[in-house]
Amino acid sequence: MNCHTCSRKSIYFARYNGRHYCSTHFLDFVEGRVRKEIRRQGILAHNSTVCVAVSGGKDSMTALTLMKEFSRERRDIRLIAITVDEGITGYRSEALRLVEEYTDRIGVEWHCRSFNDEAGFTMDRLAPRERERTTCAYCGVFRRSIMNSMARDLGATRLVTGLNLDDTAQSVMMNIARGDMTRMSMMGPHERTVDGLVPRAQPLLGIPENEVLLYAIQRGIPFIRSSCPYSEEASRNLFRDIVLRLEAEMPGSRYAVIKSGMAMSEAPPSGRISRCAECGDVTSGSECRACALRTELAKVL
């Protein structure tokens, strides 16, 4: 098949809109939607400091590349890459080398903090221990907490993540399945400002995961292709399969899921927003999730 825009050979067919794209027009298709999302979310507002959370995977490396390119002519924008080192031998060490080399090459300031320094343990140390939750349950909480504290300490006005269309649809489905409307209302991208919480932004919100992968390959953006050795434990895997099956049967359903999630998240959080009595971070209770897990892990580590 040929590209719908020109006569060149198609490299990609988007089932949800019925159009074929050649390499050039596929790149334009992705970049146009990302530009629109950046404007809609106000990520590059005047005199902004934007932190991009970079893990080394295809999504965050693509988000960093596009944020760098779209802010290139903006002298009032400070762009910073941040990485959290969970302490996963091989997997994370490879990613750290890649991110350090890439940020140096494209001229982006880079900062890294580790679980060991901030929380007192590594995921490799925690993984073999008997505990109440999956490895990913602990990792996600501490990673988000450290990302927020890094962005806050750097004076960021926005914390950009590489969450794509599939990631966000999965999160909506997970929150619905758990009946967790408080967490649904706190999902990014954030339009409301909460003191102590750097607003999250998602420039790849409208881009399916397979399109992010193809875009990174077509652009020659480097990224690690290995998976976290503990990812098989994640409950998200079930919802990944559900979202993929929905999309296969009903093209465009991922967008509908996110639209529904955003409609539900427009209501204010059902729980009160306060400060953790232990560390001062934002929480809906008297103690934040990270501090609660620290207490729990003190019995394990």
Protein backbone atom coordinates (compact mmCIF):
# COMPACT_ATOMS: atom_id res chain seq x y z
CA MET A 1 0.00 0.00 0.00
CA ASN A 2 1.06 3.58 -0.63
CA CYS A 3 1.02 6.50 1.76
CA HIS A 4 -2.34 8.34 1.86
CA THR A 5 -0.51 11.67 1.59
CA CYS A 6 2.01 10.85 -1.15
CA SER A 7 2.81 8.01 -3.54
CA ARG A 8 5.65 6.51 -1.51
CA LYS A 9 5.48 3.05 0.02
CA SER A 10 3.68 2.86 3.36
CA ILE A 11 5.58 1.70 6.44
CA TYR A 12 2.67 1.96 8.87
CA PHE A 13 -1.10 1.50 8.88
CA ALA A 14 -3.11 3.14 11.67
CA ARG A 15 -6.21 0.97 12.05
CA TYR A 16 -7.94 3.54 14.26
CA ASN A 17 -8.03 6.14 11.44
CA GLY A 18 -7.68 3.90 8.40
CA ARG A 19 -4.65 5.69 6.97
CA HIS A 20 -1.29 4.50 5.63
CA TYR A 21 1.91 6.48 6.24
CA CYS A 22 5.31 6.55 4.56
CA SER A 23 8.34 7.15 6.79
CA THR A 24 8.31 10.93 6.34
CA HIS A 25 4.60 11.39 6.91
CA PHE A 26 4.61 8.93 9.82
CA LEU A 27 7.20 11.09 11.60
CA ASP A 28 5.12 14.18 10.83
CA PHE A 29 2.00 12.41 12.12
CA VAL A 30 3.62 11.62 15.48
CA GLU A 31 5.33 14.99 15.90
CA GLY A 32 2.18 16.93 15.06
CA ARG A 33 0.22 15.20 17.82
CA VAL A 34 3.03 15.65 20.33
CA ARG A 35 3.27 19.38 19.53
CA LYS A 36 -0.48 19.71 20.00
CA GLU A 37 -0.30 17.89 23.35
CA ILE A 38 2.56 20.08 24.56
CA ARG A 39 0.50 23.18 23.75
CA ARG A 40 -2.66 21.75 25.30
CA GLN A 41 -0.89 20.86 28.54
CA GLY A 42 1.09 24.13 28.63
CA ILE A 43 4.35 22.28 29.15
CA LEU A 44 6.57 24.94 27.57
CA ALA A 45 5.07 27.95 29.29
CA HIS A 46 7.13 31.14 29.48
CA ASN A 47 10.15 30.92 31.83
CA SER A 48 9.57 27.23 32.60
CA THR A 49 11.92 24.69 34.12
CA VAL A 50 10.94 21.32 32.69
CA CYS A 51 12.27 18.06 34.10
CA VAL A 52 12.00 14.98 31.89
CA ALA A 53 12.06 11.64 33.71
CA VAL A 54 14.32 9.42 31.59
CA SER A 55 14.69 5.70 32.22
CA GLY A 56 16.51 4.83 28.98
CA GLY A 57 13.51 3.08 27.45
CA LYS A 58 11.96 3.99 24.09
CA ASP A 59 9.20 6.17 25.56
CA SER A 60 11.27 8.40 27.82
CA MET A 61 14.10 8.71 25.30
CA THR A 62 11.60 9.75 22.62
CA ALA A 63 9.94 12.23 25.00
CA LEU A 64 13.34 13.73 25.87
CA THR A 65 14.34 13.99 22.19
CA LEU A 66 11.13 15.78 21.20
CA MET A 67 11.14 18.10 24.24
CA LYS A 68 14.71 19.08 23.35
CA GLU A 69 13.82 19.75 19.72
CA PHE A 70 10.61 21.66 20.45
CA SER A 71 12.29 23.86 23.06
CA ARG A 72 15.51 24.41 21.09
CA GLU A 73 14.72 28.02 20.16
CA ARG A 74 13.30 28.90 23.57
CA ARG A 75 15.95 30.62 25.69
CA ASP A 76 13.43 31.02 28.51
CA ILE A 77 13.11 27.22 28.90
CA ARG A 78 15.44 25.21 31.13
CA LEU A 79 15.29 21.53 30.19
CA ILE A 80 16.66 18.94 32.65
CA ALA A 81 16.74 15.15 32.42
CA ILE A 82 16.38 13.17 35.65
CA THR A 83 16.86 9.45 36.25
CA VAL A 84 16.14 7.24 39.25
CA ASP A 85 18.54 4.36 39.85
CA GLU A 86 16.55 1.57 41.48
CA GLY A 87 19.61 -0.61 41.92
CA ILE A 88 18.94 -3.39 39.41
CA THR A 89 22.21 -4.95 38.29
CA GLY A 90 22.74 -5.06 34.54
CA TYR A 91 19.38 -3.57 33.56
CA ARG A 92 19.65 -0.18 35.23
CA SER A 93 23.44 0.14 34.93
CA GLU A 94 23.13 -0.26 31.14
CA ALA A 95 20.39 2.39 31.04
CA LEU A 96 22.41 4.85 33.14
CA ARG A 97 25.32 4.67 30.71
CA LEU A 98 23.01 5.22 27.76
CA VAL A 99 21.19 8.18 29.32
CA GLU A 100 24.42 9.83 30.43
CA GLU A 101 25.95 9.51 26.96
CA TYR A 102 22.79 10.69 25.17
CA THR A 103 22.12 13.72 27.37
CA ASP A 104 25.75 14.76 26.96
CA ARG A 105 25.46 14.39 23.18
CA ILE A 106 22.30 16.49 22.81
CA GLY A 107 23.33 19.03 25.44
CA VAL A 108 20.79 18.41 28.21
CA GLU A 109 21.59 18.77 31.91
CA TRP A 110 21.25 15.40 33.69
CA HIS A 111 20.75 14.44 37.33
CA CYS A 112 20.48 10.98 38.91
CA ARG A 113 19.46 9.77 42.37
CA SER A 114 19.43 6.23 43.69
CA PHE A 115 17.06 4.19 45.82
CA ASN A 116 20.00 3.29 48.02
CA ASP A 117 20.79 6.93 48.86
CA GLU A 118 17.18 8.10 49.17
CA ALA A 119 15.38 5.07 50.60
CA GLY A 120 18.21 2.97 52.03
CA PHE A 121 17.84 -0.13 49.85
CA THR A 122 18.13 -1.38 46.27
CA MET A 123 15.58 -3.42 44.35
CA ASP A 124 18.14 -6.23 44.05
CA ARG A 125 18.35 -6.35 47.83
CA LEU A 126 14.57 -6.28 48.27
CA ALA A 127 13.56 -8.71 45.50
CA PRO A 128 14.68 -12.00 47.17
CA ARG A 129 13.05 -11.16 50.52
CA GLU A 130 9.68 -12.47 51.64
CA ARG A 131 7.19 -9.57 51.72
CA GLU A 132 3.55 -8.63 51.39
CA ARG A 133 3.61 -7.05 47.90
CA THR A 134 5.12 -7.50 44.47
CA THR A 135 8.50 -5.97 43.73
CA CYS A 136 6.85 -3.50 41.34
CA ALA A 137 4.48 -2.25 44.05
CA TYR A 138 7.40 -1.00 46.13
CA CYS A 139 9.45 0.19 43.16
CA GLY A 140 6.68 2.33 41.68
CA VAL A 141 5.95 4.18 44.91
CA PHE A 142 9.58 5.04 45.68
CA ARG A 143 10.41 5.90 42.07
CA ARG A 144 7.53 8.38 41.86
CA SER A 145 8.43 9.88 45.23
CA ILE A 146 12.08 10.37 44.27
CA MET A 147 11.19 11.80 40.85
CA ASN A 148 8.93 14.36 42.49
CA SER A 149 11.53 15.36 45.09
CA MET A 150 14.21 15.71 42.40
CA ALA A 151 11.98 17.86 40.21
CA ARG A 152 10.92 19.96 43.19
CA ASP A 153 14.52 20.50 44.33
CA LEU A 154 15.46 21.59 40.78
CA GLY A 155 12.66 24.15 40.74
CA ALA A 156 10.69 22.40 37.99
CA THR A 157 7.37 23.79 36.83
CA ARG A 158 6.55 20.54 35.02
CA LEU A 159 7.68 16.92 35.38
CA VAL A 160 7.45 15.22 31.99
CA THR A 161 7.08 11.45 31.82
CA GLY A 162 7.17 9.19 28.77
CA LEU A 163 3.77 7.62 29.49
CA ASN A 164 2.13 6.79 26.17
CA LEU A 165 -1.44 6.07 25.10
CA ASP A 166 -1.32 2.40 26.15
CA ASP A 167 0.26 3.17 29.55
CA THR A 168 -2.46 5.70 30.37
CA ALA A 169 -5.32 3.48 29.18
CA GLN A 170 -3.93 0.67 31.36
CA SER A 171 -3.81 2.99 34.38
CA VAL A 172 -7.44 4.04 33.84
CA MET A 173 -8.52 0.40 33.63
CA MET A 174 -6.53 -0.50 36.76
CA ASN A 175 -8.13 2.30 38.78
CA ILE A 176 -11.61 1.31 37.58
CA ALA A 177 -11.00 -2.33 38.51
CA ARG A 178 -9.84 -1.27 41.99
CA GLY A 179 -12.60 1.30 42.42
CA ASP A 180 -9.88 3.83 43.24
CA MET A 181 -11.37 7.18 42.21
CA THR A 182 -8.95 9.13 44.38
CA ARG A 183 -6.02 7.76 42.39
CA MET A 184 -7.98 8.30 39.17
CA SER A 185 -8.43 11.97 40.03
CA MET A 186 -4.69 12.31 40.70
CA MET A 187 -3.59 10.81 37.37
CA GLY A 188 -1.53 12.95 35.03
CA PRO A 189 -1.44 15.10 33.10
CA HIS A 190 -2.16 17.47 35.98
CA GLU A 191 -4.19 20.59 35.41
CA ARG A 192 -4.58 21.41 39.10
CA THR A 193 -1.59 22.58 41.13
CA VAL A 194 -0.97 21.01 44.54
CA ASP A 195 1.69 22.56 46.75
CA GLY A 196 4.67 20.21 47.00
CA LEU A 197 3.67 18.10 43.98
CA VAL A 198 5.32 19.04 40.67
CA PRO A 199 2.58 18.83 37.98
CA ARG A 200 3.04 15.82 35.70
CA ALA A 201 2.94 16.26 31.93
CA GLN A 202 2.63 13.60 29.24
CA PRO A 203 3.54 14.77 25.72
CA LEU A 204 3.16 11.19 24.39
CA LEU A 205 -0.35 10.85 25.83
CA GLY A 206 -1.96 10.39 22.40
CA ILE A 207 0.72 8.15 20.87
CA PRO A 208 0.22 4.35 20.93
CA GLU A 209 3.13 2.30 22.23
CA ASN A 210 3.81 0.64 18.86
CA GLU A 211 4.02 4.07 17.21
CA VAL A 212 6.53 5.28 19.82
CA LEU A 213 8.66 2.22 19.09
CA LEU A 214 8.49 2.74 15.32
CA TYR A 215 9.20 6.46 15.70
CA ALA A 216 12.30 5.81 17.83
CA ILE A 217 13.59 3.28 15.30
CA GLN A 218 12.91 5.55 12.31
CA ARG A 219 14.63 8.48 14.03
CA GLY A 220 17.57 6.41 15.28
CA ILE A 221 16.89 7.36 18.90
CA PRO A 222 18.95 5.07 21.17
CA PHE A 223 17.09 3.12 23.86
CA ILE A 224 17.57 -0.02 25.90
CA ARG A 225 15.66 -3.01 24.58
CA SER A 226 15.91 -5.21 27.65
CA SER A 227 13.08 -5.48 30.17
CA CYS A 228 13.28 -5.12 33.92
CA PRO A 229 13.96 -8.61 35.37
CA TYR A 230 11.20 -8.08 37.93
CA SER A 231 8.50 -6.84 35.52
CA GLU A 232 6.80 -10.24 35.26
CA GLU A 233 5.41 -9.68 38.76
CA ALA A 234 3.55 -6.51 37.77
CA SER A 235 -0.25 -6.57 37.94
CA ARG A 236 -0.16 -4.08 35.05
CA ASN A 237 0.62 -6.98 32.72
CA LEU A 238 -2.99 -8.19 32.99
CA PHE A 239 -4.34 -4.77 32.05
CA ARG A 240 -1.85 -4.47 29.20
CA ASP A 241 -3.36 -7.61 27.71
CA ILE A 242 -6.92 -6.32 28.26
CA VAL A 243 -6.19 -3.00 26.54
CA LEU A 244 -4.49 -4.73 23.60
CA ARG A 245 -7.42 -7.11 23.15
CA LEU A 246 -9.89 -4.22 23.25
CA GLU A 247 -7.91 -2.30 20.66
CA ALA A 248 -7.64 -5.35 18.40
CA GLU A 249 -11.41 -5.87 18.45
CA MET A 250 -12.40 -2.18 18.51
CA PRO A 251 -9.75 0.10 16.97
CA GLY A 252 -9.67 3.44 18.77
CA SER A 253 -10.86 2.02 22.09
CA ARG A 254 -7.66 3.20 23.85
CA TYR A 255 -8.61 6.80 23.12
CA ALA A 256 -12.14 6.17 24.38
CA VAL A 257 -10.82 4.65 27.63
CA ILE A 258 -8.60 7.69 28.26
CA LYS A 259 -11.43 10.10 27.43
CA SER A 260 -13.61 8.34 30.00
CA GLY A 261 -10.80 8.41 32.56
CA MET A 262 -10.27 12.14 32.05
CA ALA A 263 -13.98 12.79 32.48
CA MET A 264 -13.94 10.90 35.77
CA SER A 265 -10.77 12.67 36.93
CA GLU A 266 -12.30 16.12 36.49
CA ALA A 267 -13.96 15.73 39.88
CA PRO A 268 -11.80 16.81 42.85
CA PRO A 269 -10.08 14.00 44.79
CA SER A 270 -12.43 12.28 47.21
CA GLY A 271 -9.75 12.24 49.92
CA ARG A 272 -8.22 15.30 51.53
CA ILE A 273 -4.83 16.54 50.36
CA SER A 274 -2.38 17.08 53.21
CA ARG A 275 1.28 16.61 54.16
CA CYS A 276 2.90 13.45 55.43
CA ALA A 277 3.69 13.76 59.13
CA GLU A 278 6.96 11.91 58.60
CA CYS A 279 8.54 13.42 55.46
CA GLY A 280 6.29 16.32 54.48
CA ASP A 281 5.36 14.99 51.04
CA VAL A 282 1.88 15.36 49.61
CA THR A 283 -0.56 12.63 50.70
CA SER A 284 -4.27 11.97 51.02
CA GLY A 285 -3.84 10.70 54.59
CA SER A 286 -1.63 11.34 57.60
CA GLU A 287 1.25 9.33 56.10
CA CYS A 288 2.44 9.11 52.49
CA ARG A 289 2.67 5.78 50.71
CA ALA A 290 6.47 5.84 50.64
CA CYS A 291 6.77 6.29 54.41
CA ALA A 292 4.18 3.57 55.02
CA LEU A 293 6.21 1.19 52.89
CA ARG A 294 9.44 2.19 54.63
CA THR A 295 7.88 1.09 57.92
CA GLU A 296 6.73 -2.15 56.33
CA LEU A 297 10.15 -2.84 54.79
CA ALA A 298 11.97 -2.19 58.08
CA LYS A 299 10.68 -5.63 59.15
CA VAL A 300 11.98 -7.25 55.97
CA LEU A 301 15.34 -5.65 55.20
